[in-house]
Amino acid sequence: MNFSWVKTNWLIKKLFSNYVWDIPNHENKVYLTFDDGPTPAITEWTLAQLKLHDAKATFFCIGDNVRKFPEIFQKVISEGHSIGNHTFNHLNGWKTKKEVYVKNVELCNQEIAESRRQKAESSIATKSDNLQSELFRPPYGKIKPSQSKILRKQCYKIIMWDIISYDFDATISPEKCLDNVLKNVQSGSIIVFHDSKKAFTNLEFALPRTLQFLKENGFVCDAL
Protein backbone atom coordinates (compact mmCIF):
# COMPACT_ATOMS: atom_id res chain seq x y z
CA MET A 1 0.00 0.00 0.00
CA ASN A 2 1.39 3.41 -0.97
CA PHE A 3 -0.29 6.81 -1.04
CA SER A 4 1.09 9.49 -3.34
CA TRP A 5 -1.48 12.28 -3.11
CA VAL A 6 -1.55 15.30 -0.81
CA LYS A 7 -5.00 14.72 0.72
CA THR A 8 -6.20 11.19 1.31
CA ASN A 9 -9.57 10.64 -0.30
CA TRP A 10 -12.61 9.16 1.40
CA LEU A 11 -12.50 5.89 -0.55
CA ILE A 12 -9.01 5.00 0.70
CA LYS A 13 -10.06 5.83 4.24
CA LYS A 14 -13.07 3.55 3.88
CA LEU A 15 -11.13 0.68 2.26
CA PHE A 16 -8.47 0.80 4.97
CA SER A 17 -10.70 1.67 7.89
CA ASN A 18 -8.47 -0.26 10.32
CA TYR A 19 -6.01 2.62 10.07
CA VAL A 20 -6.40 6.08 11.59
CA TRP A 21 -6.52 8.72 8.86
CA ASP A 22 -8.06 11.63 10.72
CA ILE A 23 -9.84 12.36 13.98
CA PRO A 24 -13.10 14.22 13.29
CA ASN A 25 -14.05 16.59 16.09
CA HIS A 26 -16.09 19.71 16.81
CA GLU A 27 -13.25 21.53 18.59
CA ASN A 28 -11.29 22.57 15.49
CA LYS A 29 -8.42 20.34 16.53
CA VAL A 30 -5.76 19.25 14.05
CA TYR A 31 -2.85 16.89 14.58
CA LEU A 32 0.63 17.80 13.37
CA THR A 33 2.98 14.84 13.10
CA PHE A 34 6.72 14.69 12.46
CA ASP A 35 8.44 11.60 11.06
CA ASP A 36 12.04 10.35 11.00
CA GLY A 37 13.59 12.09 14.02
CA PRO A 38 14.96 12.83 16.42
CA THR A 39 17.52 14.77 14.39
CA PRO A 40 20.12 17.11 15.91
CA ALA A 41 19.30 20.82 15.52
CA ILE A 42 16.23 20.14 13.34
CA THR A 43 14.08 18.48 16.00
CA GLU A 44 15.09 21.17 18.48
CA TRP A 45 14.17 23.87 15.96
CA THR A 46 10.82 22.16 15.42
CA LEU A 47 10.18 22.05 19.16
CA ALA A 48 10.96 25.76 19.42
CA GLN A 49 8.43 26.56 16.68
CA LEU A 50 5.75 24.48 18.37
CA LYS A 51 6.44 26.12 21.72
CA LEU A 52 6.26 29.58 20.18
CA HIS A 53 2.73 28.85 18.96
CA ASP A 54 1.63 26.84 22.02
CA ALA A 55 1.13 23.79 19.81
CA LYS A 56 1.41 20.11 20.65
CA ALA A 57 2.34 17.42 18.13
CA THR A 58 3.25 13.77 17.71
CA PHE A 59 6.74 12.62 16.75
CA PHE A 60 7.05 9.27 14.95
CA CYS A 61 10.60 8.36 15.84
CA ILE A 62 13.10 6.01 14.26
CA GLY A 63 14.42 3.73 16.97
CA ASP A 64 18.03 4.04 15.88
CA ASN A 65 17.76 7.83 16.13
CA VAL A 66 16.30 7.53 19.62
CA ARG A 67 19.33 5.42 20.52
CA LYS A 68 21.79 7.90 18.98
CA PHE A 69 20.18 11.08 20.30
CA PRO A 70 18.50 10.30 23.63
CA GLU A 71 18.76 13.86 24.95
CA ILE A 72 16.74 15.22 22.03
CA PHE A 73 14.19 12.45 22.44
CA GLN A 74 13.86 13.30 26.12
CA LYS A 75 13.27 16.95 25.21
CA VAL A 76 10.36 15.96 22.95
CA ILE A 77 8.76 14.14 25.87
CA SER A 78 9.56 16.86 28.38
CA GLU A 79 7.79 19.46 26.26
CA GLY A 80 4.56 17.49 26.31
CA HIS A 81 4.46 15.95 22.84
CA SER A 82 3.36 12.41 21.98
CA ILE A 83 5.70 9.71 20.71
CA GLY A 84 5.04 7.20 17.95
CA ASN A 85 6.97 4.24 16.54
CA HIS A 86 8.43 4.52 13.01
CA THR A 87 10.40 1.23 13.04
CA PHE A 88 14.00 0.96 14.22
CA ASN A 89 15.60 1.29 10.78
CA HIS A 90 12.95 3.08 8.68
CA LEU A 91 11.98 -0.12 6.89
CA ASN A 92 9.90 -0.32 3.74
CA GLY A 93 7.20 -2.84 4.59
CA TRP A 94 6.75 -3.90 0.95
CA LYS A 95 10.40 -4.94 0.76
CA THR A 96 10.66 -6.58 4.18
CA LYS A 97 9.63 -10.04 5.36
CA LYS A 98 6.79 -10.06 7.86
CA GLU A 99 8.82 -11.46 10.76
CA VAL A 100 11.69 -9.04 10.18
CA TYR A 101 9.36 -6.07 9.96
CA VAL A 102 7.46 -6.89 13.14
CA LYS A 103 10.71 -7.48 15.02
CA ASN A 104 12.04 -4.12 13.83
CA VAL A 105 8.93 -2.39 15.15
CA GLU A 106 9.44 -4.10 18.49
CA LEU A 107 13.10 -3.03 18.59
CA CYS A 108 11.98 0.55 18.16
CA ASN A 109 9.47 0.23 20.97
CA GLN A 110 12.11 -1.27 23.22
CA GLU A 111 14.33 1.73 22.57
CA ILE A 112 11.45 4.12 23.27
CA ALA A 113 10.62 2.26 26.49
CA GLU A 114 14.23 2.26 27.67
CA SER A 115 14.63 5.97 27.04
CA ARG A 116 11.38 6.70 28.86
CA ARG A 117 12.47 4.45 31.71
CA GLN A 118 15.65 6.48 32.11
CA LYS A 119 13.59 9.67 32.20
CA ALA A 120 11.23 8.16 34.76
CA GLU A 121 14.12 7.26 37.02
CA SER A 122 15.16 10.91 37.08
CA SER A 123 11.68 12.36 37.58
CA ILE A 124 9.04 11.18 40.01
CA ALA A 125 6.37 12.94 37.97
CA THR A 126 6.91 10.69 34.98
CA LYS A 127 7.25 7.33 36.70
CA SER A 128 3.61 6.44 36.00
CA ASP A 129 3.91 7.21 32.29
CA ASN A 130 3.26 4.44 29.79
CA LEU A 131 6.80 3.57 28.71
CA GLN A 132 5.95 2.15 25.32
CA SER A 133 4.06 3.72 22.44
CA GLU A 134 0.94 2.18 20.93
CA LEU A 135 1.12 4.59 17.98
CA PHE A 136 2.76 3.30 14.80
CA ARG A 137 3.28 4.84 11.39
CA PRO A 138 4.77 2.72 8.57
CA PRO A 139 7.65 4.45 6.78
CA TYR A 140 6.67 5.51 3.25
CA GLY A 141 3.10 4.50 4.08
CA LYS A 142 4.05 1.03 2.87
CA ILE A 143 2.87 -1.91 4.93
CA LYS A 144 1.62 -5.38 3.98
CA PRO A 145 -1.74 -6.61 5.28
CA SER A 146 0.03 -9.48 7.07
CA GLN A 147 2.30 -7.02 8.89
CA SER A 148 -0.60 -4.76 9.77
CA LYS A 149 -2.65 -7.65 11.12
CA ILE A 150 0.07 -8.70 13.55
CA LEU A 151 0.76 -5.18 14.76
CA ARG A 152 -2.92 -4.46 15.33
CA LYS A 153 -3.23 -7.69 17.31
CA GLN A 154 -0.39 -6.37 19.44
CA CYS A 155 -2.56 -3.30 20.14
CA TYR A 156 -0.74 -0.86 17.90
CA LYS A 157 -2.82 1.92 16.37
CA ILE A 158 -1.65 2.41 12.79
CA ILE A 159 -1.63 6.14 12.18
CA MET A 160 -1.68 7.27 8.57
CA TRP A 161 -2.64 10.80 7.47
CA ASP A 162 -5.24 13.09 6.01
CA ILE A 163 -2.63 15.50 4.57
CA ILE A 164 1.00 15.01 3.64
CA SER A 165 3.07 18.14 3.09
CA TYR A 166 5.72 16.50 0.88
CA ASP A 167 8.37 18.51 2.70
CA PHE A 168 10.83 15.67 1.99
CA ASP A 169 10.49 16.14 -1.78
CA ALA A 170 13.36 18.31 -3.05
CA THR A 171 11.60 18.79 -6.40
CA ILE A 172 8.85 20.94 -4.88
CA SER A 173 9.25 24.49 -3.64
CA PRO A 174 8.79 25.53 -0.01
CA GLU A 175 5.77 27.54 -1.17
CA LYS A 176 4.20 24.43 -2.69
CA CYS A 177 4.86 22.49 0.49
CA LEU A 178 3.00 25.15 2.48
CA ASP A 179 0.21 25.23 -0.07
CA ASN A 180 -0.26 21.48 0.23
CA VAL A 181 -1.20 21.95 3.85
CA LEU A 182 -3.11 25.21 3.91
CA LYS A 183 -5.42 24.36 1.00
CA ASN A 184 -6.48 21.06 2.53
CA VAL A 185 -6.53 21.41 6.30
CA GLN A 186 -9.79 20.99 8.19
CA SER A 187 -10.82 20.06 11.68
CA GLY A 188 -9.59 16.54 12.45
CA SER A 189 -6.76 16.50 9.90
CA ILE A 190 -3.64 14.49 10.66
CA ILE A 191 -0.79 16.31 8.89
CA VAL A 192 2.62 14.87 8.04
CA PHE A 193 5.88 16.80 8.26
CA HIS A 194 9.42 15.43 8.77
CA ASP A 195 12.02 16.60 11.28
CA SER A 196 14.85 15.38 9.05
CA LYS A 197 17.76 16.91 7.15
CA LYS A 198 16.20 15.95 3.85
CA ALA A 199 13.02 17.87 4.59
CA PHE A 200 14.42 20.87 6.39
CA THR A 201 14.54 23.35 3.52
CA ASN A 202 10.79 22.99 3.01
CA LEU A 203 9.99 22.50 6.70
CA GLU A 204 11.83 25.67 7.71
CA PHE A 205 9.61 27.68 5.40
CA ALA A 206 6.31 25.84 5.80
CA LEU A 207 6.06 25.01 9.49
CA PRO A 208 6.09 28.53 11.01
CA ARG A 209 3.59 29.72 8.41
CA THR A 210 1.39 26.68 8.97
CA LEU A 211 1.37 27.28 12.70
CA GLN A 212 0.55 30.95 12.23
CA PHE A 213 -2.26 30.14 9.79
CA LEU A 214 -3.75 27.56 12.13
CA LYS A 215 -3.69 29.97 15.05
CA GLU A 216 -5.21 32.82 13.07
CA ASN A 217 -8.00 30.56 11.81
CA GLY A 218 -8.97 29.15 15.18
CA PHE A 219 -7.39 25.72 14.92
CA VAL A 220 -5.90 23.96 17.94
CA CYS A 221 -2.83 21.78 17.44
CA ASP A 222 -3.09 18.72 19.68
CA ALA A 223 -1.09 15.53 20.17
CA LEU A 224 -2.47 12.14 19.24
C-alpha atoms as a PDB file:
ATOM      1  CA  MET A   1       0.000   0.000   0.000  1.00  0.00           C
ATOM      2  CA  ASN A   2       1.395   3.411  -0.972  1.00  0.00           C
ATOM      3  CA  PHE A   3      -0.290   6.809  -1.036  1.00  0.00           C
ATOM      4  CA  SER A   4       1.085   9.487  -3.337  1.00  0.00           C
ATOM      5  CA  TRP A   5      -1.482  12.280  -3.109  1.00  0.00           C
ATOM      6  CA  VAL A   6      -1.551  15.302  -0.813  1.00  0.00           C
ATOM      7  CA  LYS A   7      -4.997  14.722   0.725  1.00  0.00           C
ATOM      8  CA  THR A   8      -6.197  11.188   1.310  1.00  0.00           C
ATOM      9  CA  ASN A   9      -9.575  10.636  -0.295  1.00  0.00           C
ATOM     10  CA  TRP A  10     -12.613   9.159   1.397  1.00  0.00           C
ATOM     11  CA  LEU A  11     -12.495   5.887  -0.548  1.00  0.00           C
ATOM     12  CA  ILE A  12      -9.014   4.997   0.697  1.00  0.00           C
ATOM     13  CA  LYS A  13     -10.064   5.827   4.239  1.00  0.00           C
ATOM     14  CA  LYS A  14     -13.067   3.547   3.876  1.00  0.00           C
ATOM     15  CA  LEU A  15     -11.134   0.682   2.263  1.00  0.00           C
ATOM     16  CA  PHE A  16      -8.470   0.796   4.971  1.00  0.00           C
ATOM     17  CA  SER A  17     -10.696   1.666   7.887  1.00  0.00           C
ATOM     18  CA  ASN A  18      -8.465  -0.264  10.318  1.00  0.00           C
ATOM     19  CA  TYR A  19      -6.015   2.620  10.070  1.00  0.00           C
ATOM     20  CA  VAL A  20      -6.396   6.084  11.591  1.00  0.00           C
ATOM     21  CA  TRP A  21      -6.522   8.719   8.862  1.00  0.00           C
ATOM     22  CA  ASP A  22      -8.058  11.632  10.721  1.00  0.00           C
ATOM     23  CA  ILE A  23      -9.837  12.356  13.983  1.00  0.00           C
ATOM     24  CA  PRO A  24     -13.096  14.217  13.286  1.00  0.00           C
ATOM     25  CA  ASN A  25     -14.052  16.586  16.085  1.00  0.00           C
ATOM     26  CA  HIS A  26     -16.088  19.711  16.805  1.00  0.00           C
ATOM     27  CA  GLU A  27     -13.245  21.529  18.593  1.00  0.00           C
ATOM     28  CA  ASN A  28     -11.291  22.573  15.495  1.00  0.00           C
ATOM     29  CA  LYS A  29      -8.415  20.336  16.535  1.00  0.00           C
ATOM     30  CA  VAL A  30      -5.762  19.249  14.052  1.00  0.00           C
ATOM     31  CA  TYR A  31      -2.846  16.887  14.578  1.00  0.00           C
ATOM     32  CA  LEU A  32       0.625  17.803  13.373  1.00  0.00           C
ATOM     33  CA  THR A  33       2.981  14.844  13.102  1.00  0.00           C
ATOM     34  CA  PHE A  34       6.717  14.692  12.457  1.00  0.00           C
ATOM     35  CA  ASP A  35       8.436  11.602  11.056  1.00  0.00           C
ATOM     36  CA  ASP A  36      12.043  10.354  11.002  1.00  0.00           C
ATOM     37  CA  GLY A  37      13.587  12.094  14.025  1.00  0.00           C
ATOM     38  CA  PRO A  38      14.964  12.827  16.424  1.00  0.00           C
ATOM     39  CA  THR A  39      17.521  14.773  14.389  1.00  0.00           C
ATOM     40  CA  PRO A  40      20.125  17.114  15.909  1.00  0.00           C
ATOM     41  CA  ALA A  41      19.295  20.815  15.521  1.00  0.00           C
ATOM     42  CA  ILE A  42      16.234  20.136  13.345  1.00  0.00           C
ATOM     43  CA  THR A  43      14.081  18.476  16.000  1.00  0.00           C
ATOM     44  CA  GLU A  44      15.091  21.166  18.484  1.00  0.00           C
ATOM     45  CA  TRP A  45      14.169  23.873  15.960  1.00  0.00           C
ATOM     46  CA  THR A  46      10.820  22.155  15.424  1.00  0.00           C
ATOM     47  CA  LEU A  47      10.184  22.051  19.162  1.00  0.00           C
ATOM     48  CA  ALA A  48      10.955  25.756  19.417  1.00  0.00           C
ATOM     49  CA  GLN A  49       8.432  26.562  16.681  1.00  0.00           C
ATOM     50  CA  LEU A  50       5.752  24.479  18.372  1.00  0.00           C
ATOM     51  CA  LYS A  51       6.435  26.119  21.724  1.00  0.00           C
ATOM     52  CA  LEU A  52       6.262  29.581  20.178  1.00  0.00           C
ATOM     53  CA  HIS A  53       2.735  28.854  18.964  1.00  0.00           C
ATOM     54  CA  ASP A  54       1.628  26.844  22.021  1.00  0.00           C
ATOM     55  CA  ALA A  55       1.127  23.788  19.812  1.00  0.00           C
ATOM     56  CA  LYS A  56       1.411  20.108  20.645  1.00  0.00           C
ATOM     57  CA  ALA A  57       2.339  17.423  18.134  1.00  0.00           C
ATOM     58  CA  THR A  58       3.250  13.771  17.711  1.00  0.00           C
ATOM     59  CA  PHE A  59       6.737  12.622  16.751  1.00  0.00           C
ATOM     60  CA  PHE A  60       7.045   9.271  14.952  1.00  0.00           C
ATOM     61  CA  CYS A  61      10.604   8.365  15.845  1.00  0.00           C
ATOM     62  CA  ILE A  62      13.099   6.013  14.257  1.00  0.00           C
ATOM     63  CA  GLY A  63      14.419   3.729  16.975  1.00  0.00           C
ATOM     64  CA  ASP A  64      18.033   4.040  15.882  1.00  0.00           C
ATOM     65  CA  ASN A  65      17.758   7.831  16.125  1.00  0.00           C
ATOM     66  CA  VAL A  66      16.300   7.535  19.621  1.00  0.00           C
ATOM     67  CA  ARG A  67      19.333   5.424  20.521  1.00  0.00           C
ATOM     68  CA  LYS A  68      21.791   7.904  18.985  1.00  0.00           C
ATOM     69  CA  PHE A  69      20.180  11.082  20.302  1.00  0.00           C
ATOM     70  CA  PRO A  70      18.502  10.297  23.630  1.00  0.00           C
ATOM     71  CA  GLU A  71      18.759  13.859  24.954  1.00  0.00           C
ATOM     72  CA  ILE A  72      16.740  15.221  22.033  1.00  0.00           C
ATOM     73  CA  PHE A  73      14.190  12.446  22.440  1.00  0.00           C
ATOM     74  CA  GLN A  74      13.863  13.304  26.117  1.00  0.00           C
ATOM     75  CA  LYS A  75      13.270  16.946  25.210  1.00  0.00           C
ATOM     76  CA  VAL A  76      10.365  15.963  22.952  1.00  0.00           C
ATOM     77  CA  ILE A  77       8.759  14.137  25.867  1.00  0.00           C
ATOM     78  CA  SER A  78       9.559  16.863  28.384  1.00  0.00           C
ATOM     79  CA  GLU A  79       7.788  19.463  26.263  1.00  0.00           C
ATOM     80  CA  GLY A  80       4.558  17.489  26.310  1.00  0.00           C
ATOM     81  CA  HIS A  81       4.460  15.952  22.845  1.00  0.00           C
ATOM     82  CA  SER A  82       3.364  12.414  21.984  1.00  0.00           C
ATOM     83  CA  ILE A  83       5.697   9.713  20.715  1.00  0.00           C
ATOM     84  CA  GLY A  84       5.042   7.196  17.949  1.00  0.00           C
ATOM     85  CA  ASN A  85       6.966   4.236  16.535  1.00  0.00           C
ATOM     86  CA  HIS A  86       8.426   4.517  13.008  1.00  0.00           C
ATOM     87  CA  THR A  87      10.398   1.230  13.038  1.00  0.00           C
ATOM     88  CA  PHE A  88      14.000   0.962  14.221  1.00  0.00           C
ATOM     89  CA  ASN A  89      15.604   1.288  10.775  1.00  0.00           C
ATOM     90  CA  HIS A  90      12.954   3.079   8.682  1.00  0.00           C
ATOM     91  CA  LEU A  91      11.983  -0.116   6.888  1.00  0.00           C
ATOM     92  CA  ASN A  92       9.903  -0.319   3.740  1.00  0.00           C
ATOM     93  CA  GLY A  93       7.197  -2.839   4.590  1.00  0.00           C
ATOM     94  CA  TRP A  94       6.753  -3.898   0.954  1.00  0.00           C
ATOM     95  CA  LYS A  95      10.400  -4.943   0.762  1.00  0.00           C
ATOM     96  CA  THR A  96      10.661  -6.580   4.178  1.00  0.00           C
ATOM     97  CA  LYS A  97       9.627 -10.039   5.364  1.00  0.00           C
ATOM     98  CA  LYS A  98       6.790 -10.061   7.858  1.00  0.00           C
ATOM     99  CA  GLU A  99       8.818 -11.460  10.759  1.00  0.00           C
ATOM    100  CA  VAL A 100      11.688  -9.042  10.176  1.00  0.00           C
ATOM    101  CA  TYR A 101       9.359  -6.070   9.958  1.00  0.00           C
ATOM    102  CA  VAL A 102       7.459  -6.890  13.139  1.00  0.00           C
ATOM    103  CA  LYS A 103      10.713  -7.479  15.017  1.00  0.00           C
ATOM    104  CA  ASN A 104      12.042  -4.119  13.830  1.00  0.00           C
ATOM    105  CA  VAL A 105       8.931  -2.387  15.146  1.00  0.00           C
ATOM    106  CA  GLU A 106       9.440  -4.103  18.487  1.00  0.00           C
ATOM    107  CA  LEU A 107      13.096  -3.025  18.587  1.00  0.00           C
ATOM    108  CA  CYS A 108      11.978   0.548  18.157  1.00  0.00           C
ATOM    109  CA  ASN A 109       9.470   0.226  20.966  1.00  0.00           C
ATOM    110  CA  GLN A 110      12.111  -1.274  23.224  1.00  0.00           C
ATOM    111  CA  GLU A 111      14.333   1.731  22.565  1.00  0.00           C
ATOM    112  CA  ILE A 112      11.451   4.116  23.272  1.00  0.00           C
ATOM    113  CA  ALA A 113      10.620   2.264  26.486  1.00  0.00           C
ATOM    114  CA  GLU A 114      14.230   2.259  27.667  1.00  0.00           C
ATOM    115  CA  SER A 115      14.630   5.967  27.042  1.00  0.00           C
ATOM    116  CA  ARG A 116      11.381   6.703  28.856  1.00  0.00           C
ATOM    117  CA  ARG A 117      12.471   4.454  31.714  1.00  0.00           C
ATOM    118  CA  GLN A 118      15.647   6.483  32.107  1.00  0.00           C
ATOM    119  CA  LYS A 119      13.590   9.672  32.200  1.00  0.00           C
ATOM    120  CA  ALA A 120      11.227   8.163  34.758  1.00  0.00           C
ATOM    121  CA  GLU A 121      14.117   7.263  37.020  1.00  0.00           C
ATOM    122  CA  SER A 122      15.163  10.908  37.077  1.00  0.00           C
ATOM    123  CA  SER A 123      11.680  12.363  37.576  1.00  0.00           C
ATOM    124  CA  ILE A 124       9.040  11.181  40.011  1.00  0.00           C
ATOM    125  CA  ALA A 125       6.365  12.944  37.966  1.00  0.00           C
ATOM    126  CA  THR A 126       6.912  10.690  34.980  1.00  0.00           C
ATOM    127  CA  LYS A 127       7.247   7.327  36.697  1.00  0.00           C
ATOM    128  CA  SER A 128       3.615   6.445  36.003  1.00  0.00           C
ATOM    129  CA  ASP A 129       3.905   7.209  32.291  1.00  0.00           C
ATOM    130  CA  ASN A 130       3.260   4.442  29.788  1.00  0.00           C
ATOM    131  CA  LEU A 131       6.795   3.569  28.715  1.00  0.00           C
ATOM    132  CA  GLN A 132       5.953   2.154  25.318  1.00  0.00           C
ATOM    133  CA  SER A 133       4.057   3.718  22.439  1.00  0.00           C
ATOM    134  CA  GLU A 134       0.941   2.182  20.930  1.00  0.00           C
ATOM    135  CA  LEU A 135       1.120   4.588  17.980  1.00  0.00           C
ATOM    136  CA  PHE A 136       2.757   3.305  14.800  1.00  0.00           C
ATOM    137  CA  ARG A 137       3.282   4.835  11.387  1.00  0.00           C
ATOM    138  CA  PRO A 138       4.768   2.720   8.572  1.00  0.00           C
ATOM    139  CA  PRO A 139       7.650   4.446   6.780  1.00  0.00           C
ATOM    140  CA  TYR A 140       6.674   5.511   3.247  1.00  0.00           C
ATOM    141  CA  GLY A 141       3.096   4.497   4.082  1.00  0.00           C
ATOM    142  CA  LYS A 142       4.053   1.026   2.868  1.00  0.00           C
ATOM    143  CA  ILE A 143       2.873  -1.911   4.934  1.00  0.00           C
ATOM    144  CA  LYS A 144       1.621  -5.379   3.980  1.00  0.00           C
ATOM    145  CA  PRO A 145      -1.741  -6.613   5.278  1.00  0.00           C
ATOM    146  CA  SER A 146       0.033  -9.478   7.068  1.00  0.00           C
ATOM    147  CA  GLN A 147       2.300  -7.022   8.894  1.00  0.00           C
ATOM    148  CA  SER A 148      -0.598  -4.757   9.773  1.00  0.00           C
ATOM    149  CA  LYS A 149      -2.645  -7.648  11.120  1.00  0.00           C
ATOM    150  CA  ILE A 150       0.067  -8.703  13.552  1.00  0.00           C
ATOM    151  CA  LEU A 151       0.757  -5.180  14.763  1.00  0.00           C
ATOM    152  CA  ARG A 152      -2.919  -4.457  15.325  1.00  0.00           C
ATOM    153  CA  LYS A 153      -3.227  -7.692  17.309  1.00  0.00           C
ATOM    154  CA  GLN A 154      -0.391  -6.371  19.437  1.00  0.00           C
ATOM    155  CA  CYS A 155      -2.562  -3.302  20.136  1.00  0.00           C
ATOM    156  CA  TYR A 156      -0.739  -0.859  17.900  1.00  0.00           C
ATOM    157  CA  LYS A 157      -2.820   1.917  16.369  1.00  0.00           C
ATOM    158  CA  ILE A 158      -1.652   2.411  12.794  1.00  0.00           C
ATOM    159  CA  ILE A 159      -1.630   6.136  12.179  1.00  0.00           C
ATOM    160  CA  MET A 160      -1.680   7.275   8.569  1.00  0.00           C
ATOM    161  CA  TRP A 161      -2.645  10.802   7.474  1.00  0.00           C
ATOM    162  CA  ASP A 162      -5.239  13.091   6.014  1.00  0.00           C
ATOM    163  CA  ILE A 163      -2.634  15.500   4.570  1.00  0.00           C
ATOM    164  CA  ILE A 164       0.999  15.012   3.644  1.00  0.00           C
ATOM    165  CA  SER A 165       3.070  18.145   3.089  1.00  0.00           C
ATOM    166  CA  TYR A 166       5.720  16.504   0.875  1.00  0.00           C
ATOM    167  CA  ASP A 167       8.371  18.508   2.705  1.00  0.00           C
ATOM    168  CA  PHE A 168      10.827  15.668   1.986  1.00  0.00           C
ATOM    169  CA  ASP A 169      10.485  16.143  -1.785  1.00  0.00           C
ATOM    170  CA  ALA A 170      13.361  18.306  -3.046  1.00  0.00           C
ATOM    171  CA  THR A 171      11.604  18.789  -6.396  1.00  0.00           C
ATOM    172  CA  ILE A 172       8.846  20.935  -4.884  1.00  0.00           C
ATOM    173  CA  SER A 173       9.248  24.488  -3.635  1.00  0.00           C
ATOM    174  CA  PRO A 174       8.790  25.531  -0.015  1.00  0.00           C
ATOM    175  CA  GLU A 175       5.771  27.537  -1.166  1.00  0.00           C
ATOM    176  CA  LYS A 176       4.197  24.434  -2.692  1.00  0.00           C
ATOM    177  CA  CYS A 177       4.857  22.490   0.490  1.00  0.00           C
ATOM    178  CA  LEU A 178       3.005  25.148   2.476  1.00  0.00           C
ATOM    179  CA  ASP A 179       0.208  25.233  -0.073  1.00  0.00           C
ATOM    180  CA  ASN A 180      -0.258  21.477   0.226  1.00  0.00           C
ATOM    181  CA  VAL A 181      -1.203  21.948   3.854  1.00  0.00           C
ATOM    182  CA  LEU A 182      -3.112  25.211   3.913  1.00  0.00           C
ATOM    183  CA  LYS A 183      -5.419  24.360   0.997  1.00  0.00           C
ATOM    184  CA  ASN A 184      -6.482  21.055   2.530  1.00  0.00           C
ATOM    185  CA  VAL A 185      -6.532  21.412   6.301  1.00  0.00           C
ATOM    186  CA  GLN A 186      -9.786  20.987   8.190  1.00  0.00           C
ATOM    187  CA  SER A 187     -10.822  20.061  11.682  1.00  0.00           C
ATOM    188  CA  GLY A 188      -9.587  16.544  12.450  1.00  0.00           C
ATOM    189  CA  SER A 189      -6.763  16.504   9.901  1.00  0.00           C
ATOM    190  CA  ILE A 190      -3.640  14.492  10.659  1.00  0.00           C
ATOM    191  CA  ILE A 191      -0.792  16.312   8.893  1.00  0.00           C
ATOM    192  CA  VAL A 192       2.622  14.873   8.040  1.00  0.00           C
ATOM    193  CA  PHE A 193       5.881  16.802   8.256  1.00  0.00           C
ATOM    194  CA  HIS A 194       9.415  15.431   8.766  1.00  0.00           C
ATOM    195  CA  ASP A 195      12.020  16.599  11.284  1.00  0.00           C
ATOM    196  CA  SER A 196      14.848  15.380   9.053  1.00  0.00           C
ATOM    197  CA  LYS A 197      17.759  16.906   7.149  1.00  0.00           C
ATOM    198  CA  LYS A 198      16.199  15.949   3.847  1.00  0.00           C
ATOM    199  CA  ALA A 199      13.015  17.866   4.590  1.00  0.00           C
ATOM    200  CA  PHE A 200      14.419  20.873   6.392  1.00  0.00           C
ATOM    201  CA  THR A 201      14.538  23.353   3.518  1.00  0.00           C
ATOM    202  CA  ASN A 202      10.793  22.990   3.012  1.00  0.00           C
ATOM    203  CA  LEU A 203       9.995  22.502   6.695  1.00  0.00           C
ATOM    204  CA  GLU A 204      11.830  25.672   7.713  1.00  0.00           C
ATOM    205  CA  PHE A 205       9.605  27.683   5.396  1.00  0.00           C
ATOM    206  CA  ALA A 206       6.311  25.838   5.797  1.00  0.00           C
ATOM    207  CA  LEU A 207       6.059  25.009   9.493  1.00  0.00           C
ATOM    208  CA  PRO A 208       6.090  28.534  11.009  1.00  0.00           C
ATOM    209  CA  ARG A 209       3.594  29.716   8.407  1.00  0.00           C
ATOM    210  CA  THR A 210       1.392  26.683   8.966  1.00  0.00           C
ATOM    211  CA  LEU A 211       1.366  27.285  12.705  1.00  0.00           C
ATOM    212  CA  GLN A 212       0.546  30.949  12.229  1.00  0.00           C
ATOM    213  CA  PHE A 213      -2.257  30.141   9.790  1.00  0.00           C
ATOM    214  CA  LEU A 214      -3.749  27.564  12.125  1.00  0.00           C
ATOM    215  CA  LYS A 215      -3.694  29.967  15.054  1.00  0.00           C
ATOM    216  CA  GLU A 216      -5.207  32.823  13.067  1.00  0.00           C
ATOM    217  CA  ASN A 217      -7.995  30.556  11.810  1.00  0.00           C
ATOM    218  CA  GLY A 218      -8.974  29.154  15.180  1.00  0.00           C
ATOM    219  CA  PHE A 219      -7.391  25.722  14.922  1.00  0.00           C
ATOM    220  CA  VAL A 220      -5.898  23.959  17.943  1.00  0.00           C
ATOM    221  CA  CYS A 221      -2.828  21.775  17.436  1.00  0.00           C
ATOM    222  CA  ASP A 222      -3.092  18.716  19.682  1.00  0.00           C
ATOM    223  CA  ALA A 223      -1.093  15.535  20.174  1.00  0.00           C
ATOM    224  CA  LEU A 224      -2.473  12.136  19.243  1.00  0.00           C
END
